[in-house]
Amino acid sequence: ELLEPLSDEPNQAWVFKEQMVNDSRLVIENLLNVQKYGGLVLPRCACIGATRTSGHWRITVQHQDGRQQTLYSRSLINAAGPWVNQVQNDILNIETRIRRYG
C-alpha cells in the first residue's frame, strides 16, 4: 500500500555524501609529501635498530639485498600500523605505554 506524499511541493532538499578513503592512495600521497619536503623514503627496507643519542636518532635499516645502512635524524615516526607495539618494544626498546587486551 502506498502512502500519500506529505506535501505536493518539495520545499527542502538534502544531499548525502559518503566519504571513503583509498588508503593505499593516502599512503602514496603522504610519501610524495615526505619527498617534496626533503624527507627520505626507503621502500622495502626494514628498520632493524634505532637508538636516541645526543638529541638525534641513529637508525639502522636493512635493504632487500641484505645491505645495511645507518641514518641519523632529529625525529623518527613509527608508522608500523598494526605492528606499532612490536616495533616500539623490539626495535626501539621503548616500553609500550598502552596495552591492548582481548
N, C-alpha and C. Protein backbone atom coordinates (compact mmCIF):
# COMPACT_ATOMS: atom_id res chain seq x y z
N GLU A 1 0.84 -1.16 0.00
CA GLU A 1 0.00 0.00 0.00
C GLU A 1 0.90 1.24 0.00
N LEU A 2 0.66 2.16 -0.89
CA LEU A 2 1.41 3.40 -0.98
C LEU A 2 0.76 4.47 -0.15
N LEU A 3 1.58 5.28 0.49
CA LEU A 3 1.07 6.39 1.29
C LEU A 3 1.07 7.66 0.46
N GLU A 4 0.22 8.55 0.80
CA GLU A 4 0.16 9.85 0.13
C GLU A 4 1.39 10.67 0.53
N PRO A 5 1.94 11.48 -0.37
CA PRO A 5 3.06 12.34 0.00
C PRO A 5 2.63 13.36 1.05
N LEU A 6 3.60 13.79 1.89
CA LEU A 6 3.30 14.78 2.92
C LEU A 6 3.00 16.14 2.32
N SER A 7 3.58 16.41 1.16
CA SER A 7 3.37 17.72 0.52
C SER A 7 3.41 17.53 -0.98
N ASP A 8 2.67 18.33 -1.69
CA ASP A 8 2.71 18.26 -3.15
C ASP A 8 3.92 19.01 -3.71
N GLU A 9 4.40 19.99 -2.96
CA GLU A 9 5.51 20.82 -3.41
C GLU A 9 6.75 20.52 -2.57
N PRO A 10 7.83 20.12 -3.20
CA PRO A 10 9.06 19.94 -2.41
C PRO A 10 9.59 21.30 -1.96
N ASN A 11 9.93 21.42 -0.68
CA ASN A 11 10.44 22.70 -0.19
C ASN A 11 11.83 22.58 0.44
N GLN A 12 12.36 21.38 0.52
CA GLN A 12 13.71 21.17 1.04
C GLN A 12 14.35 20.02 0.28
N ALA A 13 15.67 20.09 0.25
CA ALA A 13 16.43 19.01 -0.37
C ALA A 13 17.62 18.69 0.51
N TRP A 14 18.06 17.47 0.48
CA TRP A 14 19.23 17.04 1.25
C TRP A 14 20.20 16.36 0.30
N VAL A 15 21.44 16.55 0.62
CA VAL A 15 22.50 15.86 -0.12
C VAL A 15 23.25 15.00 0.88
N PHE A 16 23.34 13.74 0.60
CA PHE A 16 24.09 12.82 1.44
C PHE A 16 25.32 12.38 0.67
N LYS A 17 26.47 12.57 1.29
CA LYS A 17 27.72 12.14 0.67
C LYS A 17 28.38 11.11 1.57
N GLU A 18 28.81 10.05 0.98
CA GLU A 18 29.55 9.06 1.73
C GLU A 18 31.01 9.23 1.37
N GLN A 19 31.82 9.44 2.37
CA GLN A 19 33.24 9.65 2.14
C GLN A 19 33.99 8.35 2.36
N MET A 20 34.81 8.03 1.41
CA MET A 20 35.65 6.85 1.53
C MET A 20 37.08 7.27 1.23
N VAL A 21 38.01 6.66 1.90
CA VAL A 21 39.41 6.95 1.67
C VAL A 21 40.05 5.73 1.04
N ASN A 22 40.75 5.97 -0.03
CA ASN A 22 41.54 4.91 -0.63
C ASN A 22 42.86 4.90 0.13
N ASP A 23 42.99 3.97 1.09
CA ASP A 23 44.13 4.03 2.00
C ASP A 23 45.48 3.89 1.29
N SER A 24 45.56 3.11 0.25
CA SER A 24 46.84 2.99 -0.46
C SER A 24 47.20 4.30 -1.15
N ARG A 25 46.20 5.01 -1.67
CA ARG A 25 46.47 6.31 -2.29
C ARG A 25 46.88 7.34 -1.24
N LEU A 26 46.28 7.27 -0.07
CA LEU A 26 46.64 8.18 1.02
C LEU A 26 48.10 7.97 1.42
N VAL A 27 48.53 6.73 1.51
CA VAL A 27 49.93 6.42 1.84
C VAL A 27 50.85 7.00 0.78
N ILE A 28 50.53 6.80 -0.48
CA ILE A 28 51.37 7.31 -1.57
C ILE A 28 51.44 8.84 -1.52
N GLU A 29 50.32 9.50 -1.30
CA GLU A 29 50.32 10.97 -1.20
C GLU A 29 51.18 11.45 -0.04
N ASN A 30 51.11 10.76 1.09
CA ASN A 30 51.94 11.13 2.23
C ASN A 30 53.42 10.95 1.91
N LEU A 31 53.77 9.86 1.25
CA LEU A 31 55.17 9.62 0.89
C LEU A 31 55.67 10.65 -0.11
N LEU A 32 54.84 11.04 -1.05
CA LEU A 32 55.22 12.08 -2.00
C LEU A 32 55.48 13.40 -1.29
N ASN A 33 54.67 13.71 -0.28
CA ASN A 33 54.90 14.93 0.50
C ASN A 33 56.18 14.84 1.31
N VAL A 34 56.49 13.67 1.83
CA VAL A 34 57.75 13.49 2.55
C VAL A 34 58.93 13.84 1.63
N GLN A 35 58.91 13.30 0.42
CA GLN A 35 59.98 13.59 -0.54
C GLN A 35 59.99 15.07 -0.92
N LYS A 36 58.82 15.64 -1.11
CA LYS A 36 58.72 17.05 -1.51
C LYS A 36 59.41 17.96 -0.50
N TYR A 37 59.32 17.62 0.78
CA TYR A 37 59.89 18.45 1.83
C TYR A 37 61.24 17.93 2.32
N GLY A 38 61.91 17.12 1.51
CA GLY A 38 63.28 16.72 1.81
C GLY A 38 63.45 15.47 2.63
N GLY A 39 62.37 14.75 2.88
CA GLY A 39 62.47 13.51 3.64
C GLY A 39 62.94 12.35 2.78
N LEU A 40 63.40 11.33 3.42
CA LEU A 40 63.93 10.15 2.74
C LEU A 40 62.90 9.02 2.82
N VAL A 41 62.57 8.45 1.70
CA VAL A 41 61.62 7.33 1.64
C VAL A 41 62.41 6.10 1.21
N LEU A 42 62.37 5.06 2.01
CA LEU A 42 63.10 3.83 1.71
C LEU A 42 62.13 2.66 1.63
N PRO A 43 61.54 2.45 0.47
CA PRO A 43 60.61 1.32 0.35
C PRO A 43 61.35 -0.02 0.43
N ARG A 44 60.65 -1.00 0.96
CA ARG A 44 61.16 -2.36 1.07
C ARG A 44 62.42 -2.46 1.92
N CYS A 45 62.52 -1.58 2.91
CA CYS A 45 63.62 -1.63 3.88
C CYS A 45 63.02 -1.93 5.25
N ALA A 46 63.79 -2.65 6.04
CA ALA A 46 63.35 -2.96 7.41
C ALA A 46 64.18 -2.15 8.38
N CYS A 47 63.51 -1.54 9.34
CA CYS A 47 64.21 -0.87 10.43
C CYS A 47 64.63 -1.96 11.41
N ILE A 48 65.93 -2.14 11.57
CA ILE A 48 66.41 -3.22 12.44
C ILE A 48 66.98 -2.69 13.76
N GLY A 49 67.06 -1.37 13.87
CA GLY A 49 67.53 -0.80 15.13
C GLY A 49 67.43 0.70 15.12
N ALA A 50 67.19 1.28 16.29
CA ALA A 50 67.16 2.73 16.42
C ALA A 50 67.46 3.09 17.86
N THR A 51 68.39 4.01 18.04
CA THR A 51 68.73 4.48 19.38
C THR A 51 68.76 6.00 19.37
N ARG A 52 68.42 6.57 20.50
CA ARG A 52 68.39 8.03 20.64
C ARG A 52 69.66 8.45 21.37
N THR A 53 70.48 9.29 20.73
CA THR A 53 71.70 9.79 21.34
C THR A 53 71.91 11.24 20.96
N SER A 54 72.30 12.05 21.92
CA SER A 54 72.63 13.46 21.70
C SER A 54 71.58 14.22 20.89
N GLY A 55 70.31 13.96 21.19
CA GLY A 55 69.22 14.68 20.52
C GLY A 55 68.91 14.21 19.11
N HIS A 56 69.51 13.12 18.67
CA HIS A 56 69.25 12.58 17.34
C HIS A 56 68.99 11.08 17.43
N TRP A 57 68.33 10.57 16.42
CA TRP A 57 68.12 9.13 16.29
C TRP A 57 69.21 8.57 15.39
N ARG A 58 69.77 7.45 15.79
CA ARG A 58 70.69 6.67 14.95
C ARG A 58 69.87 5.45 14.53
N ILE A 59 69.56 5.38 13.24
CA ILE A 59 68.63 4.38 12.72
C ILE A 59 69.37 3.45 11.77
N THR A 60 69.21 2.16 11.98
CA THR A 60 69.82 1.17 11.09
C THR A 60 68.71 0.49 10.30
N VAL A 61 68.84 0.53 8.99
CA VAL A 61 67.87 -0.14 8.12
C VAL A 61 68.57 -1.22 7.31
N GLN A 62 67.79 -2.21 6.92
CA GLN A 62 68.33 -3.29 6.08
C GLN A 62 67.54 -3.31 4.79
N HIS A 63 68.27 -3.21 3.67
CA HIS A 63 67.66 -3.24 2.35
C HIS A 63 67.34 -4.69 1.97
N GLN A 64 66.56 -4.84 0.94
CA GLN A 64 66.15 -6.19 0.50
C GLN A 64 67.34 -7.06 0.14
N ASP A 65 68.41 -6.46 -0.36
CA ASP A 65 69.59 -7.24 -0.76
C ASP A 65 70.49 -7.58 0.43
N GLY A 66 70.06 -7.23 1.66
CA GLY A 66 70.82 -7.55 2.86
C GLY A 66 71.75 -6.43 3.32
N ARG A 67 71.98 -5.46 2.46
CA ARG A 67 72.86 -4.35 2.79
C ARG A 67 72.25 -3.53 3.92
N GLN A 68 73.09 -3.13 4.89
CA GLN A 68 72.62 -2.30 5.99
C GLN A 68 73.10 -0.87 5.81
N GLN A 69 72.31 0.05 6.29
CA GLN A 69 72.62 1.47 6.15
C GLN A 69 72.27 2.15 7.47
N THR A 70 73.12 3.07 7.91
CA THR A 70 72.86 3.83 9.13
C THR A 70 72.50 5.25 8.75
N LEU A 71 71.42 5.73 9.35
CA LEU A 71 70.91 7.07 9.08
C LEU A 71 70.80 7.82 10.40
N TYR A 72 70.82 9.15 10.32
CA TYR A 72 70.66 9.99 11.50
C TYR A 72 69.52 10.96 11.26
N SER A 73 68.70 11.16 12.29
CA SER A 73 67.53 12.01 12.13
C SER A 73 67.18 12.69 13.45
N ARG A 74 66.59 13.88 13.35
CA ARG A 74 66.09 14.55 14.56
C ARG A 74 64.80 13.93 15.05
N SER A 75 64.05 13.32 14.14
CA SER A 75 62.77 12.72 14.54
C SER A 75 62.62 11.36 13.87
N LEU A 76 61.78 10.55 14.48
CA LEU A 76 61.50 9.22 13.97
C LEU A 76 60.02 8.96 14.15
N ILE A 77 59.36 8.56 13.08
CA ILE A 77 57.93 8.27 13.12
C ILE A 77 57.73 6.77 12.99
N ASN A 78 57.06 6.20 13.97
CA ASN A 78 56.74 4.78 13.94
C ASN A 78 55.37 4.64 13.27
N ALA A 79 55.39 4.36 11.99
CA ALA A 79 54.16 4.21 11.21
C ALA A 79 53.96 2.75 10.82
N ALA A 80 54.16 1.86 11.78
CA ALA A 80 54.12 0.43 11.50
C ALA A 80 52.71 -0.16 11.54
N GLY A 81 51.70 0.69 11.66
CA GLY A 81 50.33 0.20 11.62
C GLY A 81 50.06 -0.78 12.74
N PRO A 82 49.53 -1.96 12.40
CA PRO A 82 49.19 -2.92 13.45
C PRO A 82 50.40 -3.48 14.19
N TRP A 83 51.62 -3.23 13.68
CA TRP A 83 52.84 -3.72 14.29
C TRP A 83 53.54 -2.64 15.12
N VAL A 84 52.86 -1.52 15.39
CA VAL A 84 53.48 -0.39 16.07
C VAL A 84 54.05 -0.79 17.44
N ASN A 85 53.33 -1.59 18.21
CA ASN A 85 53.84 -2.01 19.52
C ASN A 85 55.06 -2.91 19.38
N GLN A 86 55.05 -3.79 18.40
CA GLN A 86 56.19 -4.68 18.18
C GLN A 86 57.44 -3.86 17.84
N VAL A 87 57.29 -2.88 16.96
CA VAL A 87 58.42 -2.02 16.60
C VAL A 87 58.91 -1.25 17.82
N GLN A 88 57.97 -0.69 18.56
CA GLN A 88 58.34 0.11 19.73
C GLN A 88 59.07 -0.73 20.76
N ASN A 89 58.60 -1.92 21.03
CA ASN A 89 59.20 -2.78 22.05
C ASN A 89 60.47 -3.48 21.58
N ASP A 90 60.43 -4.08 20.39
CA ASP A 90 61.51 -4.95 19.94
C ASP A 90 62.64 -4.20 19.23
N ILE A 91 62.33 -3.13 18.53
CA ILE A 91 63.36 -2.43 17.76
C ILE A 91 63.81 -1.15 18.45
N LEU A 92 62.85 -0.38 18.94
CA LEU A 92 63.20 0.88 19.59
C LEU A 92 63.55 0.70 21.06
N ASN A 93 63.23 -0.47 21.60
CA ASN A 93 63.48 -0.78 23.01
C ASN A 93 62.84 0.25 23.95
N ILE A 94 61.63 0.64 23.60
CA ILE A 94 60.85 1.55 24.44
C ILE A 94 59.61 0.80 24.87
N GLU A 95 59.36 0.77 26.17
CA GLU A 95 58.19 0.05 26.67
C GLU A 95 56.92 0.74 26.20
N THR A 96 56.00 -0.03 25.68
CA THR A 96 54.71 0.49 25.25
C THR A 96 53.92 0.94 26.45
N ARG A 97 53.37 2.16 26.37
CA ARG A 97 52.59 2.70 27.48
C ARG A 97 51.17 2.17 27.48
N ILE A 98 50.64 1.85 26.31
CA ILE A 98 49.25 1.41 26.21
C ILE A 98 49.25 -0.07 25.81
N ARG A 99 48.54 -0.86 26.56
CA ARG A 99 48.42 -2.28 26.26
C ARG A 99 47.01 -2.59 25.80
N ARG A 100 46.91 -3.44 24.80
CA ARG A 100 45.59 -3.90 24.36
C ARG A 100 45.31 -5.25 24.95
N TYR A 101 44.10 -5.44 25.39
CA TYR A 101 43.70 -6.72 25.96
C TYR A 101 42.56 -7.27 25.13
N GLY A 102 42.56 -8.60 25.01
CA GLY A 102 41.43 -9.23 24.34
C GLY A 102 41.70 -9.74 23.01
